[in-house]
C-alpha cells in the first residue's frame, strides 16, 4: 500500500488521553433530540481552529472514563486515540448513549429505534455547529461500530462516511443466537459488566431504575427473530445506506463481529472498502490493533478523502485488504468473495483417519461417497462432561490434562500433499437425524499439525465455527446466497425421530493456509466447551439424546470450502 507523503511521518497513537494545551474540551454539552430530551456529549477541538469536519462516536460505556488507557483491562475504551484525531484537524464529539453516563433523561434500550433516532439527531446537531464544516464521519469500534451501521441506515444528511470497526450488524445472528442457539458465554459476561459500570461505577446521583433494560432478559423473552430483533438489525436495511463505508473486521471475532463486517461490505452498494485483520491473539487483538499507527493512518486517509476532499489515493487501491493466516501476511483483492475462489466440497466419509483419538476418528475425502455407509452417531450428554461453567465437551484425563475431542465426532483428511489455502465464507451441508424433537449442531473447522493436537489451554489451531438449532433450519430464500445460508429463525419445526433432514449451516468466514503435511479436520458435536472454546461458548443444557450424521450416496454431507488457487 502506497502512503501519500503527508502521512509518512505521523506519530503513533497513545494509549492514554493526552490533551495538552492545544486542545479545548467542552464537557457535558446537552444536545436536544427530537423527543425533547437531551444527549450529553463532550466536544474536543483545537483551540482557535477554523470550522473542521466532525468525528462522532457514541456508546453506553461512559465518556467520563476517557482518561482510562486503551488496554484489555478497560474493555470499554473503544474510541481510538481522541487527541490524535483532534491534532489531525477534526472535531471529536464523544457521546453517552441515552440512559447511560450523563445522558440520563431517557432510558437505555440497546440499539432500539429511539437510540437510532438519537444518532440521527446528534449527527445533524454536530453538522450545524459553528465549529463544524457540516461534514460528519463516525468513528470507534465494537458498540461504537454497531452504532455506525445503524446511523447509516437512518441516512442523516450531514453524515458523509462511516468506518465500522469490529462491528456486528444483526444482534440476533451475530451476537445472541448463533444459528438460533443462544450464546450464553459472551452475553452473560458483557451484559452484567456494562450495566454494572453504569449503575455502580458511575459517580453521582442516578435514577433508581437506571439501565432497567436487560439484554439477557430480552433474549429470554425473544428467542426467535421477531420485531424486537428486526428493529435492531441494520442488515435488513442496507439498501438505505447512502454513505461510503470502510468495513474493518477481525478474523479472531468469530461469534461476535466478524460476520457483520463481511456481510455489510458484501451488501452495501455505496463506495466501500474491506479490511480483515488480526492474526493470533484472540479477542483482545482488537485493542492492540486500535493502538497501531497503521490503522490510524489508514482511517485518516479515509476520513481525509471523504470529509476534506483530499485526493490521497485511498480509493485508487484494491478495495479488499486482508491478513492471510496463519502466516499473517497482508494481501489485496479486487472483490469479495475473492475472484479466484473455487467452491470445493470436502465430504464426510466412513473409515478411520488415524488422526486423533476422538469418538469416531472419521475421514474426509475430496470425492463424494459412492456406496452405502452407516453414518456416525453420537450420544449426549456424556457422563464426563462438566456443566457450565465447567469443562463442557472437554473431559479430564487421568494425568490431569484435558481431552477436547475424545467425546465428539471428528472427520480428518489424510496429511495434505500440498498446501490448501481458503479465504471466504464457508458452508456445511449436513444430513442429520435425531431421536429427539430438537437438537443443536456445532461445527468447527480445525488445522491439525503433524505434531498432533496441542493440549487444552495452549493455542489451538481452530480456524472457524458455525452453529444451527435444527428446529430453526428453515431458510430465508430472499436473503440466502450459495456461499451463505440465511436462516429465518421465525418458527420452530420439530424433528420427527429417525427422519433425515438436510441442514445448511453457516460457518463464519475465514482466511487460512493448511500447510503441506497438515490435516484439515471438521468437528461435529451437540455442544462446546468453555475450556477450549472460550469466549463464545453456548449451552447444551440438560438435553439428552442420540444424533446421527449421515454420509452416504443419498446423503453426502460435506463442507464447501472457499479454496484459493494462485498462479498457474
Foldseek 3Di string as FASTA:
>chain_A
DDFPPVQPDQDFAFQFADQPPQKDKDFQDWAAADVGATWGKMKIAGPPDAAFAEEEFEDQQAPVVRGHGLAVVSVSNFFFHQNSVRVVTYIYIYTHQQLHHSNDPHADDDQFPVSLRVLLRVLQVQLPDRNHVLAYEYGTEERRLLSRLSNLLVPRPRYAEYEYALYAQFCCCQAQQPQLFGFCFVLVVPQVVSQCCGPPVRDDDHDPCRNVDGVVVVCVVDSFCDPSRVRNGSLVRLVSRDHEYEQEEEQQSFRHRQQRSVSSQVPHDYHYAYEYAYEDDHPRVVSVVSSGSVVVSLVVVVCCCRRVVDPGCNSVDQRYWYQFPDVRDIDGANDPPGPQWDWAWKFWDADAQPADQACHNTAIHSDAFDAFDPFDKAWDDDPQADFPVPFGCWGADPVGFIDFGHRFDKYKYHQAQFKWKFFHWKKWKWKKAWQFQKFKKKKWKFKAALVGADTFPPDGRTWWIWMHTVQQQDFDVVPQDPRATHTNRHDGHTGDHPDIDIHMITIRTGTYMRGGRMMIMMIIDRFHTCRRDPRRGGGSDPDITMMGTGGHPVTGTIMTTGTGDDDD
